[in-house]
Amino acid sequence: MKKQIYKLIDVKSLVTLMLTTVFAYLSVSDRLSAEQFQTVFTTVIAFYFGIQHQKNQKETDNDKKFQL
């Protein structure tokens, strides 16, 4: 449980959550168009999950090496 909390507080997670909050606020307050919000949000989320997938893939590859 503690490990999951620490992962949530990770810097990348905080940056992603802050950007999501800021861009959602700007979109709701009509300071940002829906297209701009969607572009930025998609880029940030894709980058975040891409990094997470790459990290998990590397760990999986390392586990397979040790099993041989």
C-alpha atoms as a PDB file:
ATOM      1  CA  MET A   1       0.000   0.000   0.000  1.00  0.00           C
ATOM      2  CA  LYS A   2       2.801   2.438   0.884  1.00  0.00           C
ATOM      3  CA  LYS A   3       4.541   1.691  -2.401  1.00  0.00           C
ATOM      4  CA  GLN A   4       1.394   2.633  -4.342  1.00  0.00           C
ATOM      5  CA  ILE A   5       1.093   5.897  -2.407  1.00  0.00           C
ATOM      6  CA  TYR A   6       4.732   6.729  -3.097  1.00  0.00           C
ATOM      7  CA  LYS A   7       4.193   6.045  -6.786  1.00  0.00           C
ATOM      8  CA  LEU A   8       1.185   8.375  -6.788  1.00  0.00           C
ATOM      9  CA  ILE A   9       3.288  11.123  -5.212  1.00  0.00           C
ATOM     10  CA  ASP A  10       6.009  10.588  -7.826  1.00  0.00           C
ATOM     11  CA  VAL A  11       7.094  13.821  -9.544  1.00  0.00           C
ATOM     12  CA  LYS A  12       5.837  12.681 -12.947  1.00  0.00           C
ATOM     13  CA  SER A  13       2.456  11.881 -11.461  1.00  0.00           C
ATOM     14  CA  LEU A  14       2.239  15.242  -9.742  1.00  0.00           C
ATOM     15  CA  VAL A  15       3.181  17.089 -12.922  1.00  0.00           C
ATOM     16  CA  THR A  16       0.589  15.145 -14.901  1.00  0.00           C
ATOM     17  CA  LEU A  17      -2.118  15.829 -12.324  1.00  0.00           C
ATOM     18  CA  MET A  18      -1.216  19.528 -12.115  1.00  0.00           C
ATOM     19  CA  LEU A  19      -1.233  19.954 -15.891  1.00  0.00           C
ATOM     20  CA  THR A  20      -4.545  18.165 -16.155  1.00  0.00           C
ATOM     21  CA  THR A  21      -6.055  20.386 -13.462  1.00  0.00           C
ATOM     22  CA  VAL A  22      -4.711  23.627 -14.967  1.00  0.00           C
ATOM     23  CA  PHE A  23      -5.803  22.818 -18.494  1.00  0.00           C
ATOM     24  CA  ALA A  24      -9.220  21.665 -17.286  1.00  0.00           C
ATOM     25  CA  TYR A  25      -9.647  24.963 -15.415  1.00  0.00           C
ATOM     26  CA  LEU A  26      -8.533  26.999 -18.430  1.00  0.00           C
ATOM     27  CA  SER A  27     -10.916  25.083 -20.647  1.00  0.00           C
ATOM     28  CA  VAL A  28     -13.875  25.516 -18.312  1.00  0.00           C
ATOM     29  CA  SER A  29     -13.170  29.238 -17.881  1.00  0.00           C
ATOM     30  CA  ASP A  30     -13.159  29.691 -21.699  1.00  0.00           C
ATOM     31  CA  ARG A  31      -9.527  30.784 -21.773  1.00  0.00           C
ATOM     32  CA  LEU A  32      -8.602  27.738 -23.807  1.00  0.00           C
ATOM     33  CA  SER A  33     -10.439  26.136 -26.718  1.00  0.00           C
ATOM     34  CA  ALA A  34     -11.525  22.532 -26.578  1.00  0.00           C
ATOM     35  CA  GLU A  35      -9.109  21.644 -29.390  1.00  0.00           C
ATOM     36  CA  GLN A  36      -6.160  23.171 -27.541  1.00  0.00           C
ATOM     37  CA  PHE A  37      -7.111  21.362 -24.349  1.00  0.00           C
ATOM     38  CA  GLN A  38      -7.473  18.061 -26.154  1.00  0.00           C
ATOM     39  CA  THR A  39      -4.117  18.408 -27.905  1.00  0.00           C
ATOM     40  CA  VAL A  40      -2.173  19.242 -24.754  1.00  0.00           C
ATOM     41  CA  PHE A  41      -3.984  16.721 -22.577  1.00  0.00           C
ATOM     42  CA  THR A  42      -3.529  13.902 -25.095  1.00  0.00           C
ATOM     43  CA  THR A  43       0.170  14.675 -25.461  1.00  0.00           C
ATOM     44  CA  VAL A  44       0.793  14.714 -21.714  1.00  0.00           C
ATOM     45  CA  ILE A  45      -1.198  11.564 -21.021  1.00  0.00           C
ATOM     46  CA  ALA A  46       0.366   9.689 -23.954  1.00  0.00           C
ATOM     47  CA  PHE A  47       3.847  10.656 -22.785  1.00  0.00           C
ATOM     48  CA  TYR A  48       3.114   9.641 -19.190  1.00  0.00           C
ATOM     49  CA  PHE A  49       1.646   6.257 -20.079  1.00  0.00           C
ATOM     50  CA  GLY A  50       4.309   5.680 -22.735  1.00  0.00           C
ATOM     51  CA  ILE A  51       7.029   6.127 -20.136  1.00  0.00           C
ATOM     52  CA  GLN A  52       5.187   3.849 -17.707  1.00  0.00           C
ATOM     53  CA  HIS A  53       4.793   1.167 -20.391  1.00  0.00           C
ATOM     54  CA  GLN A  54       8.463   1.413 -21.333  1.00  0.00           C
ATOM     55  CA  LYS A  55       9.476   1.115 -17.681  1.00  0.00           C
ATOM     56  CA  ASN A  56       7.237  -1.925 -17.155  1.00  0.00           C
ATOM     57  CA  GLN A  57       8.535  -3.536 -20.355  1.00  0.00           C
ATOM     58  CA  LYS A  58      12.128  -3.076 -19.209  1.00  0.00           C
ATOM     59  CA  GLU A  59      11.321  -4.681 -15.836  1.00  0.00           C
ATOM     60  CA  THR A  60       9.613  -7.600 -17.593  1.00  0.00           C
ATOM     61  CA  ASP A  61      12.616  -8.101 -19.871  1.00  0.00           C
ATOM     62  CA  ASN A  62      14.955  -8.082 -16.869  1.00  0.00           C
ATOM     63  CA  ASP A  63      12.785 -10.637 -15.066  1.00  0.00           C
ATOM     64  CA  LYS A  64      12.906 -12.938 -18.100  1.00  0.00           C
ATOM     65  CA  LYS A  65      16.711 -12.734 -18.201  1.00  0.00           C
ATOM     66  CA  PHE A  66      16.973 -13.860 -14.589  1.00  0.00           C
ATOM     67  CA  GLN A  67      14.620 -16.781 -15.143  1.00  0.00           C
ATOM     68  CA  LEU A  68      16.843 -18.312 -17.811  1.00  0.00           C
END
